[in-house]
Amino acid sequence: MGSAPSDPKAYIESVANMLREHDRTVAVRSADGGKYGTLYQAIADEDGKPMVAVTANPRTTTVTVESMCASVAEQG
């Protein structure tokens, strides 16, 4: 986990724009996180490319990258 952005919605929008600039298709979502505030998420998940998910709320930020290369190396 990381530190919290001052404006989680704007942060996720900037992450989504950066991913799109790298020719990624991005889904942006939000959900009510209860006492933790609104949870915003940008996900780029395409065949043959690493999955990137960035989640942020007023309390924290999480970045997840899943690569096929890492999966193959673990199985190898």
N, C-alpha and C. Protein backbone atom coordinates (compact mmCIF):
# COMPACT_ATOMS: atom_id res chain seq x y z
N MET A 1 0.83 -1.17 0.00
CA MET A 1 0.00 0.00 0.00
C MET A 1 0.88 1.24 0.00
N GLY A 2 0.29 2.34 -0.46
CA GLY A 2 1.04 3.58 -0.54
C GLY A 2 0.35 4.69 0.21
N SER A 3 0.79 5.90 -0.02
CA SER A 3 0.17 7.05 0.62
C SER A 3 -1.08 7.46 -0.16
N ALA A 4 -1.90 8.26 0.47
CA ALA A 4 -3.17 8.66 -0.14
C ALA A 4 -3.00 9.93 -0.97
N PRO A 5 -3.58 9.96 -2.16
CA PRO A 5 -3.57 11.20 -2.95
C PRO A 5 -4.56 12.19 -2.36
N SER A 6 -4.30 13.48 -2.52
CA SER A 6 -5.22 14.49 -1.99
C SER A 6 -6.57 14.47 -2.72
N ASP A 7 -6.57 14.07 -4.00
CA ASP A 7 -7.80 13.95 -4.79
C ASP A 7 -7.77 12.61 -5.50
N PRO A 8 -8.28 11.54 -4.86
CA PRO A 8 -8.20 10.20 -5.44
C PRO A 8 -8.83 10.09 -6.82
N LYS A 9 -9.95 10.77 -7.06
CA LYS A 9 -10.62 10.69 -8.36
C LYS A 9 -9.73 11.28 -9.45
N ALA A 10 -9.15 12.44 -9.21
CA ALA A 10 -8.26 13.07 -10.19
C ALA A 10 -7.00 12.22 -10.40
N TYR A 11 -6.50 11.63 -9.32
CA TYR A 11 -5.32 10.76 -9.42
C TYR A 11 -5.60 9.58 -10.34
N ILE A 12 -6.72 8.91 -10.14
CA ILE A 12 -7.07 7.75 -10.97
C ILE A 12 -7.31 8.17 -12.41
N GLU A 13 -7.93 9.33 -12.62
CA GLU A 13 -8.12 9.83 -13.98
C GLU A 13 -6.77 10.07 -14.66
N SER A 14 -5.79 10.59 -13.92
CA SER A 14 -4.46 10.83 -14.51
C SER A 14 -3.75 9.51 -14.81
N VAL A 15 -3.92 8.51 -13.95
CA VAL A 15 -3.34 7.19 -14.20
C VAL A 15 -3.98 6.59 -15.45
N ALA A 16 -5.30 6.67 -15.56
CA ALA A 16 -6.01 6.13 -16.73
C ALA A 16 -5.53 6.82 -18.01
N ASN A 17 -5.36 8.14 -17.97
CA ASN A 17 -4.88 8.87 -19.15
C ASN A 17 -3.47 8.43 -19.54
N MET A 18 -2.60 8.24 -18.56
CA MET A 18 -1.24 7.79 -18.83
C MET A 18 -1.23 6.41 -19.47
N LEU A 19 -2.06 5.50 -18.97
CA LEU A 19 -2.16 4.16 -19.55
C LEU A 19 -2.70 4.23 -20.98
N ARG A 20 -3.68 5.08 -21.21
CA ARG A 20 -4.23 5.24 -22.56
C ARG A 20 -3.18 5.79 -23.53
N GLU A 21 -2.32 6.69 -23.04
CA GLU A 21 -1.23 7.21 -23.87
C GLU A 21 -0.26 6.12 -24.30
N HIS A 22 -0.27 5.00 -23.55
CA HIS A 22 0.56 3.85 -23.89
C HIS A 22 -0.26 2.76 -24.57
N ASP A 23 -1.33 3.19 -25.24
CA ASP A 23 -2.19 2.30 -26.03
C ASP A 23 -2.85 1.18 -25.22
N ARG A 24 -3.19 1.48 -23.99
CA ARG A 24 -3.91 0.51 -23.17
C ARG A 24 -5.39 0.88 -23.14
N THR A 25 -6.24 -0.13 -23.09
CA THR A 25 -7.67 0.07 -22.88
C THR A 25 -7.90 0.04 -21.38
N VAL A 26 -8.53 1.08 -20.87
CA VAL A 26 -8.64 1.24 -19.42
C VAL A 26 -10.10 1.32 -19.00
N ALA A 27 -10.45 0.58 -17.95
CA ALA A 27 -11.77 0.69 -17.33
C ALA A 27 -11.58 1.47 -16.03
N VAL A 28 -12.42 2.48 -15.81
CA VAL A 28 -12.37 3.26 -14.57
C VAL A 28 -13.66 3.00 -13.82
N ARG A 29 -13.51 2.69 -12.53
CA ARG A 29 -14.67 2.35 -11.71
C ARG A 29 -14.60 3.11 -10.39
N SER A 30 -15.73 3.21 -9.73
CA SER A 30 -15.76 3.75 -8.37
C SER A 30 -16.79 2.97 -7.57
N ALA A 31 -16.57 2.92 -6.27
CA ALA A 31 -17.49 2.21 -5.38
C ALA A 31 -17.46 2.88 -4.01
N ASP A 32 -18.57 2.76 -3.31
CA ASP A 32 -18.65 3.32 -1.96
C ASP A 32 -17.82 2.46 -1.02
N GLY A 33 -16.82 3.07 -0.41
CA GLY A 33 -15.96 2.35 0.53
C GLY A 33 -16.36 2.55 1.97
N GLY A 34 -17.59 3.00 2.21
CA GLY A 34 -18.07 3.20 3.57
C GLY A 34 -17.26 4.24 4.31
N LYS A 35 -16.80 3.91 5.50
CA LYS A 35 -16.05 4.87 6.32
C LYS A 35 -14.72 5.27 5.70
N TYR A 36 -14.26 4.53 4.66
CA TYR A 36 -12.99 4.85 4.01
C TYR A 36 -13.17 5.77 2.81
N GLY A 37 -14.40 6.18 2.52
CA GLY A 37 -14.66 7.08 1.40
C GLY A 37 -14.82 6.32 0.10
N THR A 38 -14.99 7.06 -0.97
CA THR A 38 -15.17 6.44 -2.29
C THR A 38 -13.85 5.83 -2.76
N LEU A 39 -13.95 4.63 -3.29
CA LEU A 39 -12.80 3.90 -3.82
C LEU A 39 -12.83 4.04 -5.33
N TYR A 40 -11.72 4.54 -5.91
CA TYR A 40 -11.60 4.72 -7.35
C TYR A 40 -10.58 3.72 -7.88
N GLN A 41 -10.82 3.19 -9.09
CA GLN A 41 -9.92 2.19 -9.64
C GLN A 41 -9.81 2.34 -11.15
N ALA A 42 -8.58 2.20 -11.65
CA ALA A 42 -8.31 2.15 -13.09
C ALA A 42 -7.67 0.79 -13.36
N ILE A 43 -8.21 0.06 -14.34
CA ILE A 43 -7.69 -1.27 -14.67
C ILE A 43 -7.42 -1.36 -16.17
N ALA A 44 -6.22 -1.79 -16.51
CA ALA A 44 -5.87 -2.10 -17.90
C ALA A 44 -5.54 -3.59 -17.91
N ASP A 45 -6.34 -4.36 -18.61
CA ASP A 45 -6.18 -5.81 -18.60
C ASP A 45 -6.44 -6.34 -20.01
N GLU A 46 -5.36 -6.54 -20.77
CA GLU A 46 -5.49 -6.98 -22.16
C GLU A 46 -4.66 -8.23 -22.39
N ASP A 47 -5.07 -9.05 -23.33
CA ASP A 47 -4.32 -10.26 -23.67
C ASP A 47 -2.90 -9.92 -24.09
N GLY A 48 -1.95 -10.61 -23.53
CA GLY A 48 -0.56 -10.44 -23.93
C GLY A 48 0.16 -9.28 -23.29
N LYS A 49 -0.54 -8.47 -22.50
CA LYS A 49 0.10 -7.35 -21.81
C LYS A 49 -0.12 -7.50 -20.32
N PRO A 50 0.82 -7.01 -19.51
CA PRO A 50 0.63 -7.11 -18.06
C PRO A 50 -0.65 -6.39 -17.61
N MET A 51 -1.35 -6.98 -16.66
CA MET A 51 -2.52 -6.34 -16.08
C MET A 51 -2.03 -5.28 -15.10
N VAL A 52 -2.61 -4.09 -15.18
CA VAL A 52 -2.28 -3.01 -14.27
C VAL A 52 -3.57 -2.56 -13.61
N ALA A 53 -3.58 -2.53 -12.28
CA ALA A 53 -4.74 -2.04 -11.54
C ALA A 53 -4.23 -1.05 -10.50
N VAL A 54 -4.81 0.14 -10.49
CA VAL A 54 -4.45 1.16 -9.52
C VAL A 54 -5.73 1.55 -8.80
N THR A 55 -5.69 1.49 -7.48
CA THR A 55 -6.84 1.78 -6.65
C THR A 55 -6.46 2.88 -5.66
N ALA A 56 -7.37 3.83 -5.45
CA ALA A 56 -7.09 4.92 -4.51
C ALA A 56 -8.37 5.35 -3.81
N ASN A 57 -8.22 5.75 -2.56
CA ASN A 57 -9.29 6.39 -1.81
C ASN A 57 -8.63 7.47 -0.95
N PRO A 58 -9.37 8.17 -0.12
CA PRO A 58 -8.76 9.24 0.67
C PRO A 58 -7.71 8.76 1.68
N ARG A 59 -7.60 7.44 1.88
CA ARG A 59 -6.67 6.93 2.90
C ARG A 59 -5.44 6.24 2.33
N THR A 60 -5.51 5.69 1.11
CA THR A 60 -4.40 4.90 0.60
C THR A 60 -4.45 4.74 -0.92
N THR A 61 -3.35 4.25 -1.46
CA THR A 61 -3.25 3.93 -2.88
C THR A 61 -2.61 2.56 -3.01
N THR A 62 -3.11 1.74 -3.93
CA THR A 62 -2.54 0.43 -4.18
C THR A 62 -2.31 0.27 -5.67
N VAL A 63 -1.13 -0.23 -6.04
CA VAL A 63 -0.81 -0.50 -7.44
C VAL A 63 -0.51 -1.99 -7.56
N THR A 64 -1.18 -2.66 -8.51
CA THR A 64 -0.97 -4.08 -8.76
C THR A 64 -0.61 -4.28 -10.22
N VAL A 65 0.46 -5.03 -10.47
CA VAL A 65 0.86 -5.39 -11.83
C VAL A 65 1.02 -6.89 -11.86
N GLU A 66 0.30 -7.53 -12.76
CA GLU A 66 0.43 -8.97 -12.95
C GLU A 66 0.95 -9.22 -14.34
N SER A 67 2.11 -9.84 -14.44
CA SER A 67 2.74 -10.08 -15.72
C SER A 67 2.77 -11.56 -16.03
N MET A 68 2.50 -11.91 -17.29
CA MET A 68 2.61 -13.32 -17.71
C MET A 68 4.04 -13.80 -17.54
N CYS A 69 5.00 -12.92 -17.73
CA CYS A 69 6.42 -13.29 -17.59
C CYS A 69 6.70 -13.76 -16.17
N ALA A 70 6.15 -13.06 -15.18
CA ALA A 70 6.36 -13.46 -13.80
C ALA A 70 5.70 -14.82 -13.53
N SER A 71 4.53 -15.04 -14.09
CA SER A 71 3.82 -16.32 -13.90
C SER A 71 4.61 -17.46 -14.51
N VAL A 72 5.17 -17.26 -15.70
CA VAL A 72 5.95 -18.30 -16.35
C VAL A 72 7.22 -18.57 -15.57
N ALA A 73 7.88 -17.54 -15.07
CA ALA A 73 9.11 -17.71 -14.30
C ALA A 73 8.85 -18.49 -13.02
N GLU A 74 7.71 -18.24 -12.37
CA GLU A 74 7.37 -18.96 -11.13
C GLU A 74 7.11 -20.44 -11.41
N GLN A 75 6.54 -20.75 -12.58
CA GLN A 75 6.22 -22.13 -12.90
C GLN A 75 7.45 -22.88 -13.42
N GLY A 76 8.40 -22.12 -14.01
CA GLY A 76 9.54 -22.70 -14.70
C GLY A 76 10.44 -23.48 -13.86
